[in-house]
Every structure is written in C-alpha cells, then in structure tokens.
Amino acid sequence: MQYRQLGGTGVWVSAVSLGTMTFGGQSHPLWGPIGGLGFDEASVLVGRALDAGINLFDTADAYADGESEEILGALLAPQRQGVLIATKLAMRVGAEPNAVGLSRLHVTRSIENSLRRLGTDYIDLYHIHAWDPLTPIEETLAALDDAVRQGKVRYVGASNTAAWQAMKALGVSSPGGLPRLVSLQSYYSLSGRDIEHEILPLTRDQNLGNLIYSPLASGLLSGKYDRTGHTEETARWARFQMPPVDLEQTYDIIDCLRAVAARHEASTAAVALAWVLAQEGVTSVILGARRLDQLDDNLGAIDLRLTDDDLRELDAASAPRVPAYPGYMQAQFLTVRGPGGN
C-alpha cells in the first residue's frame, strides 16, 4: 500500500480508502439497490481492506439511515487506534424540520449520533457533506470548533463544495481561530473532470487533501458497459444514471480504457482508477465495492503504472469538449505573459 500526506496535516492515509455507502439498508428503497450489504458481507470487505493496508474508511450519517456507521464502527472496533474513520453530516436524516443542514443545532446532534452509532468517542475526519446556503459558515465552524476542543473531532473537511465555498470557509476560519478545512471530498473520474477547473487548483494552492469518490462514475467505467448497453442488470449505473456524463464521449473513453488495459493485462476498472491515482493533488481514491472480487480488482490499481503514452491517450479521450471559462482566457494570457510575449 502507498500512503500519502493528508493536506497540510501530519497524517498519512492510504492511497485508496474504503467507502461504505454499500453497507446496510437491505430493505430500504434507495440504499438497498445501491448496496444493502449486511454485517457478514461488509465484514469480508473490511477485512480485505485492512489486509491490503487501507487505513481510511469513509461513511456518512445519511447512508442507510445510519446503519452504515453502525456496521463500520462494529467492524473496526478491534483496531480502532490503527485506522481513520471519516464520516459526514448535512443530508436529511429524519422527518423533523431541523434534521438537516449545518446549523449549530444539527451539527451538535449529528456528532453525538454518529459517535454513538460508530461506537467510538472521536471522529478522525468529519466532513460537511454539502453546503448549506441557509446557515452562515461561521455558525457551522464554531459548532465544529467546540467538537474539536472537546476531543470529539480530530479534523474537519468538506464534500461537494464549490471552490468559492471552500475558500470562504478557509477565509472565515483563519482570522477567527476556527477549524481549518484539511480536505475536500469530490467526484472525479475520466468521465467527470470538472474539479480540474477550480477545485484541484484550490486544493494545491491551499494544501488541502483530495479524497475522490465515484472514480468509476458509479461503475460506468468498470468494463460492464459499451455502446451496446450494459452486461450486468444489478450494476448501479443500470438503475441510477448518476453522476451525469456525456455518454457518447464516455463510450470513447471506455474504448480507450480497454486498449490501455489490454497492453497491461489489467481490467478497465483498474486502469480508470490508476489514471485518477496518477493525477497531481489526489490524496486517496475511495473504493465502493459490493463484492470481494470487485475490491480485489480495484486494489490492483495501486501497483499499476501507466506510461506517459497511456496517460496522454486517456487524457485526450476524456478531455472536456467545451473549455471552461475563465480557464481558457487565463491560459491564453499565460502564453503572452513572459518576456517577449506578443
């Protein structure tokens, strides 16, 4: 296993981590189709992850209505000191009006509930799961500061935030002595390179960790799909077309993945993961397997070294077809910025 520094902290995390959105919720209309894994099935995956050297495990209070946290906490209890647990808050977790968001009220309740479900007295990395436009970020960070000072939270991060939102949180935390974000958790794949426009540059500039979820675009890049459709009815993309992609370009990407995979005698999924791992600024890629064979195949990406030619081919196939503003204007400026530019 490779380990990478988590932003500007002194903490080292495995280059791949295990996501647990597939744990729990077997009879739930949403979480059942996504995973619905029971304790015994989840135990096999967690055991394999630990054997492989994974030390970061990701969950959220909203996953399977909290059952994901319960299963993960029980499985990691025997080696709690040697692992890092990341969980999140903000999504709706109940019917009452305040069971959602980032208010002090909800933050305080969510921390206590997650600690109870996880069976631990501290959370290593606590992520804001989404931006709350109704709650001032000062209120949220102040509530999180209380938790940090009480020893209930070690580090704070954010997920699904725009670059300006993350920068606003950083700007608020610095003068106020409030917890500084140490990481961002974002969607990134060959089919979804949006974070390259502003989020990746922000994290490199501010020395934040990058935790990547859905690196296979919810299985679309797993090798089960091509222009003829899908080959596995139970695959997630067959039931939930998320995240949104340019499907025609994604088929071109899959063709390229298969060509590269054939050269390395690897799976298309391993190549897609290896591409993400090779990108500058990526700290850890979150794997979200439902079966042991999927996890084993994904773990193969760690030792897969793509050549410069491989990377160029994959970059060309997946490059956004419409450049994003203001990136193309700034790139044009840089070409004439140096001495002698015209």
Protein backbone atom coordinates (compact mmCIF):
# COMPACT_ATOMS: atom_id res chain seq x y z
CA MET A 1 0.00 0.00 0.00
CA GLN A 2 1.09 3.56 -0.69
CA TYR A 3 0.42 6.30 1.84
CA ARG A 4 0.02 9.99 1.13
CA GLN A 5 0.00 13.02 3.37
CA LEU A 6 -3.45 14.43 4.11
CA GLY A 7 -3.10 18.04 3.05
CA GLY A 8 -1.09 20.12 5.47
CA THR A 9 -1.59 17.75 8.39
CA GLY A 10 0.98 15.28 9.65
CA VAL A 11 -1.46 12.43 8.97
CA TRP A 12 -0.81 9.76 6.35
CA VAL A 13 -3.68 7.99 4.62
CA SER A 14 -3.73 5.05 2.25
CA ALA A 15 -3.78 5.95 -1.45
CA VAL A 16 -7.04 4.06 -1.71
CA SER A 17 -9.68 4.05 1.00
CA LEU A 18 -12.86 2.07 1.52
CA GLY A 19 -16.24 3.72 1.08
CA THR A 20 -19.19 2.18 2.89
CA MET A 21 -22.23 3.57 1.10
CA THR A 22 -22.99 -0.06 0.21
CA PHE A 23 -23.26 -1.09 3.88
CA GLY A 24 -26.74 -1.54 5.36
CA GLY A 25 -30.24 -0.65 4.21
CA GLN A 26 -31.06 -4.01 2.66
CA SER A 27 -34.83 -3.36 2.59
CA HIS A 28 -34.52 0.39 2.01
CA PRO A 29 -35.87 1.60 -1.38
CA LEU A 30 -32.78 3.75 -2.01
CA TRP A 31 -29.92 2.13 -0.13
CA GLY A 32 -30.93 -1.46 -0.83
CA PRO A 33 -30.29 -1.25 -4.58
CA ILE A 34 -27.05 0.67 -4.01
CA GLY A 35 -25.64 -1.98 -1.74
CA GLY A 36 -27.73 -3.41 1.04
CA LEU A 37 -24.78 -5.36 2.47
CA GLY A 38 -25.31 -6.95 5.87
CA PHE A 39 -22.76 -7.25 8.65
CA ASP A 40 -21.21 -10.51 7.42
CA GLU A 41 -20.85 -9.32 3.82
CA ALA A 42 -19.38 -6.00 4.95
CA SER A 43 -17.01 -7.85 7.29
CA VAL A 44 -15.40 -9.62 4.32
CA LEU A 45 -14.74 -6.31 2.55
CA VAL A 46 -13.41 -4.54 5.64
CA GLY A 47 -11.15 -7.49 6.45
CA ARG A 48 -9.71 -7.49 2.93
CA ALA A 49 -9.21 -3.72 3.06
CA LEU A 50 -7.32 -3.98 6.35
CA ASP A 51 -5.18 -6.81 4.97
CA ALA A 52 -4.32 -4.62 1.97
CA GLY A 53 -3.14 -1.79 4.25
CA ILE A 54 -6.12 0.54 3.88
CA ASN A 55 -6.30 2.80 6.92
CA LEU A 56 -9.04 5.27 5.89
CA PHE A 57 -12.71 4.26 5.92
CA ASP A 58 -15.43 6.63 4.72
CA THR A 59 -19.08 6.71 5.71
CA ALA A 60 -21.88 9.23 6.41
CA ASP A 61 -24.78 9.61 8.80
CA ALA A 62 -27.23 9.52 5.89
CA TYR A 63 -26.02 6.20 4.46
CA ALA A 64 -28.72 3.58 5.06
CA ASP A 65 -30.23 5.83 7.74
CA GLY A 66 -27.18 5.39 9.94
CA GLU A 67 -26.81 1.64 9.55
CA SER A 68 -23.60 2.09 7.54
CA GLU A 69 -21.99 3.84 10.50
CA GLU A 70 -23.20 1.12 12.87
CA ILE A 71 -21.77 -1.70 10.78
CA LEU A 72 -18.48 0.06 10.13
CA GLY A 73 -18.00 1.04 13.77
CA ALA A 74 -18.57 -2.52 14.96
CA LEU A 75 -16.17 -3.97 12.39
CA LEU A 76 -13.38 -1.50 13.15
CA ALA A 77 -13.72 -1.59 16.94
CA PRO A 78 -10.92 -4.17 17.46
CA GLN A 79 -8.38 -1.99 15.60
CA ARG A 80 -9.81 1.47 16.27
CA GLN A 81 -6.44 3.04 17.14
CA GLY A 82 -4.86 1.97 13.86
CA VAL A 83 -7.49 3.27 11.46
CA LEU A 84 -9.06 6.58 10.48
CA ILE A 85 -12.82 6.95 10.26
CA ALA A 86 -14.29 9.71 8.12
CA THR A 87 -17.99 10.49 8.32
CA LYS A 88 -20.22 13.35 7.21
CA LEU A 89 -23.22 15.46 8.11
CA ALA A 90 -25.70 17.81 6.43
CA MET A 91 -28.00 15.48 4.49
CA ARG A 92 -31.51 14.89 5.83
CA VAL A 93 -31.58 12.17 8.48
CA GLY A 94 -35.14 12.48 9.76
CA ALA A 95 -38.56 13.99 9.12
CA GLU A 96 -38.45 16.82 11.64
CA PRO A 97 -37.55 20.29 10.31
CA ASN A 98 -34.09 20.53 11.87
CA ALA A 99 -32.84 17.05 10.89
CA VAL A 100 -30.84 18.51 8.02
CA GLY A 101 -28.28 21.22 7.31
CA LEU A 102 -25.33 22.75 9.09
CA SER A 103 -26.90 24.72 11.96
CA ARG A 104 -25.29 24.52 15.38
CA LEU A 105 -28.32 22.54 16.50
CA HIS A 106 -27.95 19.92 13.78
CA VAL A 107 -24.14 19.78 13.94
CA THR A 108 -24.22 19.08 17.67
CA ARG A 109 -26.90 16.42 17.36
CA SER A 110 -25.21 14.79 14.38
CA ILE A 111 -21.85 14.46 16.11
CA GLU A 112 -23.38 12.77 19.13
CA ASN A 113 -25.47 10.43 16.97
CA SER A 114 -22.54 9.46 14.76
CA LEU A 115 -20.31 8.81 17.77
CA ARG A 116 -22.99 6.56 19.25
CA ARG A 117 -23.54 4.61 16.03
CA LEU A 118 -19.82 4.25 15.37
CA GLY A 119 -19.21 3.12 18.94
CA THR A 120 -16.28 5.49 19.34
CA ASP A 121 -15.54 8.65 21.29
CA TYR A 122 -13.89 10.55 18.43
CA ILE A 123 -14.20 11.03 14.68
CA ASP A 124 -10.91 11.32 12.81
CA LEU A 125 -12.20 13.32 9.84
CA TYR A 126 -15.60 15.00 9.88
CA HIS A 127 -16.86 16.23 6.52
CA ILE A 128 -19.53 18.79 5.75
CA HIS A 129 -21.48 16.67 3.26
CA ALA A 130 -22.98 19.60 1.36
CA TRP A 131 -23.05 23.38 1.51
CA ASP A 132 -25.95 24.84 3.49
CA PRO A 133 -26.98 28.19 1.97
CA LEU A 134 -29.25 28.98 4.95
CA THR A 135 -26.66 28.69 7.72
CA PRO A 136 -23.72 31.09 7.99
CA ILE A 137 -20.47 29.14 7.69
CA GLU A 138 -19.28 30.95 10.82
CA GLU A 139 -22.02 29.20 12.82
CA THR A 140 -21.09 25.80 11.41
CA LEU A 141 -17.35 26.20 12.02
CA ALA A 142 -17.95 27.50 15.56
CA ALA A 143 -20.02 24.39 16.37
CA LEU A 144 -17.31 22.18 14.87
CA ASP A 145 -14.70 24.08 16.87
CA ASP A 146 -16.49 23.08 20.07
CA ALA A 147 -16.32 19.44 18.98
CA VAL A 148 -12.61 19.70 18.16
CA ARG A 149 -11.85 21.30 21.53
CA GLN A 150 -13.86 18.59 23.27
CA GLY A 151 -11.82 15.91 21.52
CA LYS A 152 -14.82 14.54 19.63
CA VAL A 153 -13.47 15.52 16.19
CA ARG A 154 -9.84 15.48 15.09
CA TYR A 155 -10.01 17.15 11.67
CA VAL A 156 -12.66 18.90 9.57
CA GLY A 157 -13.22 18.67 5.83
CA ALA A 158 -15.92 19.34 3.24
CA SER A 159 -17.57 17.43 0.42
CA ASN A 160 -19.47 18.50 -2.69
CA THR A 161 -18.44 22.13 -2.29
CA ALA A 162 -17.58 24.65 -4.96
CA ALA A 163 -14.13 26.20 -4.86
CA TRP A 164 -15.51 29.57 -3.73
CA GLN A 165 -17.41 27.91 -0.88
CA ALA A 166 -14.34 26.07 0.35
CA MET A 167 -12.30 29.26 0.07
CA LYS A 168 -14.95 31.15 2.04
CA ALA A 169 -14.73 28.57 4.82
CA LEU A 170 -10.94 28.86 4.83
CA GLY A 171 -11.18 32.64 4.93
CA VAL A 172 -13.55 32.54 7.88
CA SER A 173 -11.53 30.01 9.85
CA SER A 174 -8.16 31.75 9.70
CA PRO A 175 -8.86 35.07 11.48
CA GLY A 176 -11.38 33.52 13.86
CA GLY A 177 -9.19 30.68 15.04
CA LEU A 178 -11.84 28.20 13.90
CA PRO A 179 -11.09 24.74 12.47
CA ARG A 180 -9.48 24.90 9.05
CA LEU A 181 -10.61 22.50 6.36
CA VAL A 182 -7.89 19.92 5.76
CA SER A 183 -9.53 18.08 2.87
CA LEU A 184 -12.18 18.14 0.18
CA GLN A 185 -14.09 15.06 -0.93
CA SER A 186 -15.19 15.38 -4.55
CA TYR A 187 -16.40 13.40 -7.54
CA TYR A 188 -13.64 12.85 -10.10
CA SER A 189 -13.30 10.35 -12.93
CA LEU A 190 -12.30 10.12 -16.57
CA SER A 191 -15.97 10.86 -17.32
CA GLY A 192 -16.15 13.79 -14.92
CA ARG A 193 -13.11 16.06 -14.83
CA ASP A 194 -14.89 19.20 -13.61
CA ILE A 195 -12.76 19.58 -10.47
CA GLU A 196 -9.73 20.27 -12.66
CA HIS A 197 -11.12 23.73 -13.43
CA GLU A 198 -11.10 25.23 -9.93
CA ILE A 199 -11.23 22.67 -7.11
CA LEU A 200 -7.92 20.92 -7.81
CA PRO A 201 -6.08 24.22 -8.26
CA LEU A 202 -7.60 25.44 -4.98
CA THR A 203 -6.53 22.37 -3.05
CA ARG A 204 -3.00 22.55 -4.42
CA ASP A 205 -2.76 26.25 -3.58
CA GLN A 206 -4.19 25.86 -0.07
CA ASN A 207 -2.51 22.49 0.64
CA LEU A 208 -5.73 20.55 1.16
CA GLY A 209 -6.13 16.81 0.77
CA ASN A 210 -8.25 15.48 -2.09
CA LEU A 211 -10.41 12.45 -1.37
CA ILE A 212 -12.01 11.19 -4.58
CA TYR A 213 -15.35 9.40 -4.72
CA SER A 214 -17.02 7.55 -7.60
CA PRO A 215 -13.77 7.24 -9.62
CA LEU A 216 -15.53 4.72 -11.88
CA ALA A 217 -18.53 7.02 -12.40
CA SER A 218 -20.78 4.67 -10.40
CA GLY A 219 -19.50 1.68 -12.33
CA LEU A 220 -19.88 3.14 -15.80
CA LEU A 221 -16.11 2.76 -16.35
CA SER A 222 -15.94 -0.70 -14.81
CA GLY A 223 -15.88 -2.58 -18.10
CA LYS A 224 -19.53 -3.68 -17.94
CA TYR A 225 -20.71 -1.08 -20.45
CA ASP A 226 -20.17 -0.12 -24.05
CA ARG A 227 -22.25 1.24 -26.90
CA THR A 228 -24.35 -1.94 -26.91
CA GLY A 229 -25.51 -1.24 -23.34
CA HIS A 230 -24.73 -2.93 -20.04
CA THR A 231 -23.89 -6.53 -19.26
CA GLU A 232 -24.97 -6.75 -15.64
CA GLU A 233 -28.52 -5.92 -14.63
CA THR A 234 -27.56 -5.39 -10.98
CA ALA A 235 -24.85 -2.82 -11.78
CA ARG A 236 -25.53 0.56 -10.21
CA TRP A 237 -25.46 2.56 -13.44
CA ALA A 238 -28.14 0.28 -14.89
CA ARG A 239 -30.53 1.61 -12.23
CA PHE A 240 -29.25 5.09 -11.33
CA GLN A 241 -27.85 7.30 -14.07
CA MET A 242 -25.71 9.31 -11.70
CA PRO A 243 -23.39 11.12 -11.96
CA PRO A 244 -24.40 12.83 -15.22
CA VAL A 245 -21.97 12.21 -18.08
CA ASP A 246 -21.52 12.85 -21.78
CA LEU A 247 -22.46 9.28 -22.69
CA GLU A 248 -21.09 9.33 -26.23
CA GLN A 249 -17.72 10.61 -25.04
CA THR A 250 -17.76 8.09 -22.20
CA TYR A 251 -18.05 5.27 -24.74
CA ASP A 252 -14.93 6.68 -26.43
CA ILE A 253 -13.22 6.71 -23.03
CA ILE A 254 -14.22 3.08 -22.43
CA ASP A 255 -12.75 2.10 -25.82
CA CYS A 256 -9.50 3.80 -24.83
CA LEU A 257 -9.54 2.16 -21.40
CA ARG A 258 -9.87 -1.26 -22.99
CA ALA A 259 -6.94 -0.62 -25.31
CA VAL A 260 -4.73 0.51 -22.42
CA ALA A 261 -5.93 -2.35 -20.23
CA ALA A 262 -5.03 -4.90 -22.91
CA ARG A 263 -1.45 -3.57 -23.01
CA HIS A 264 -1.12 -4.01 -19.25
CA GLU A 265 -3.18 -7.20 -18.95
CA ALA A 266 -5.33 -5.34 -16.44
CA SER A 267 -9.03 -4.62 -16.10
CA THR A 268 -10.59 -1.44 -17.44
CA ALA A 269 -11.62 -0.55 -13.88
CA ALA A 270 -8.03 -0.82 -12.64
CA VAL A 271 -6.82 1.43 -15.45
CA ALA A 272 -9.52 4.03 -14.74
CA LEU A 273 -8.53 4.04 -11.06
CA ALA A 274 -4.81 4.18 -11.89
CA TRP A 275 -5.45 7.27 -14.02
CA VAL A 276 -7.11 9.06 -11.07
CA LEU A 277 -4.30 8.00 -8.72
CA ALA A 278 -1.77 9.46 -11.16
CA GLN A 279 -3.31 12.94 -11.12
CA GLU A 280 -1.45 15.65 -9.25
CA GLY A 281 -3.06 16.55 -5.94
CA VAL A 282 -5.09 13.38 -5.45
CA THR A 283 -4.63 12.06 -1.91
CA SER A 284 -6.86 8.98 -1.71
CA VAL A 285 -9.35 7.31 -4.02
CA ILE A 286 -12.44 5.91 -2.31
CA LEU A 287 -13.39 2.42 -3.46
CA GLY A 288 -17.04 1.46 -3.18
CA ALA A 289 -17.24 -2.29 -3.79
CA ARG A 290 -20.19 -4.61 -3.22
CA ARG A 291 -18.26 -7.86 -3.72
CA LEU A 292 -14.83 -9.15 -2.76
CA ASP A 293 -13.81 -9.76 -6.38
CA GLN A 294 -14.61 -6.12 -7.20
CA LEU A 295 -12.49 -4.90 -4.30
CA ASP A 296 -9.60 -7.19 -5.22
CA ASP A 297 -9.68 -5.96 -8.81
CA ASN A 298 -9.80 -2.31 -7.69
CA LEU A 299 -6.85 -2.83 -5.35
CA GLY A 300 -4.84 -3.85 -8.40
CA ALA A 301 -4.77 -0.21 -9.46
CA ILE A 302 -2.26 0.59 -6.71
CA ASP A 303 0.56 -1.26 -8.45
CA LEU A 304 -0.49 -0.40 -11.99
CA ARG A 305 1.93 2.12 -13.52
CA LEU A 306 0.53 3.83 -16.58
CA THR A 307 3.07 5.02 -19.12
CA ASP A 308 3.23 8.59 -20.39
CA ASP A 309 1.65 7.36 -23.62
CA ASP A 310 -1.17 5.69 -21.68
CA LEU A 311 -1.87 8.90 -19.80
CA ARG A 312 -1.79 11.01 -22.97
CA GLU A 313 -4.26 8.70 -24.69
CA LEU A 314 -6.63 8.69 -21.74
CA ASP A 315 -6.32 12.46 -21.31
CA ALA A 316 -7.13 13.03 -24.98
CA ALA A 317 -10.15 10.71 -24.92
CA SER A 318 -11.57 12.29 -21.76
CA ALA A 319 -10.69 15.94 -22.28
CA PRO A 320 -13.76 18.20 -21.83
CA ARG A 321 -15.08 19.01 -25.27
CA VAL A 322 -16.07 22.55 -24.36
CA PRO A 323 -13.39 24.50 -22.44
CA ALA A 324 -14.48 26.12 -19.18
CA TYR A 325 -14.42 29.85 -18.60
CA PRO A 326 -12.31 31.59 -17.32
CA GLY A 327 -9.71 28.85 -17.65
CA TYR A 328 -9.22 29.22 -21.39
CA MET A 329 -8.85 33.01 -21.06
CA GLN A 330 -6.27 32.67 -18.30
CA ALA A 331 -4.37 30.05 -20.30
CA GLN A 332 -4.29 32.45 -23.25
CA PHE A 333 -2.94 35.19 -21.00
CA LEU A 334 -0.15 32.96 -19.73
CA THR A 335 1.08 32.33 -23.29
CA VAL A 336 1.86 36.06 -23.70
CA ARG A 337 2.80 36.83 -20.09
CA GLY A 338 6.54 36.14 -20.29
CA PRO A 339 9.24 38.45 -21.69
CA GLY A 340 8.89 38.77 -25.41
CA GLY A 341 5.25 37.64 -25.46
CA ASN A 342 3.01 39.11 -28.11
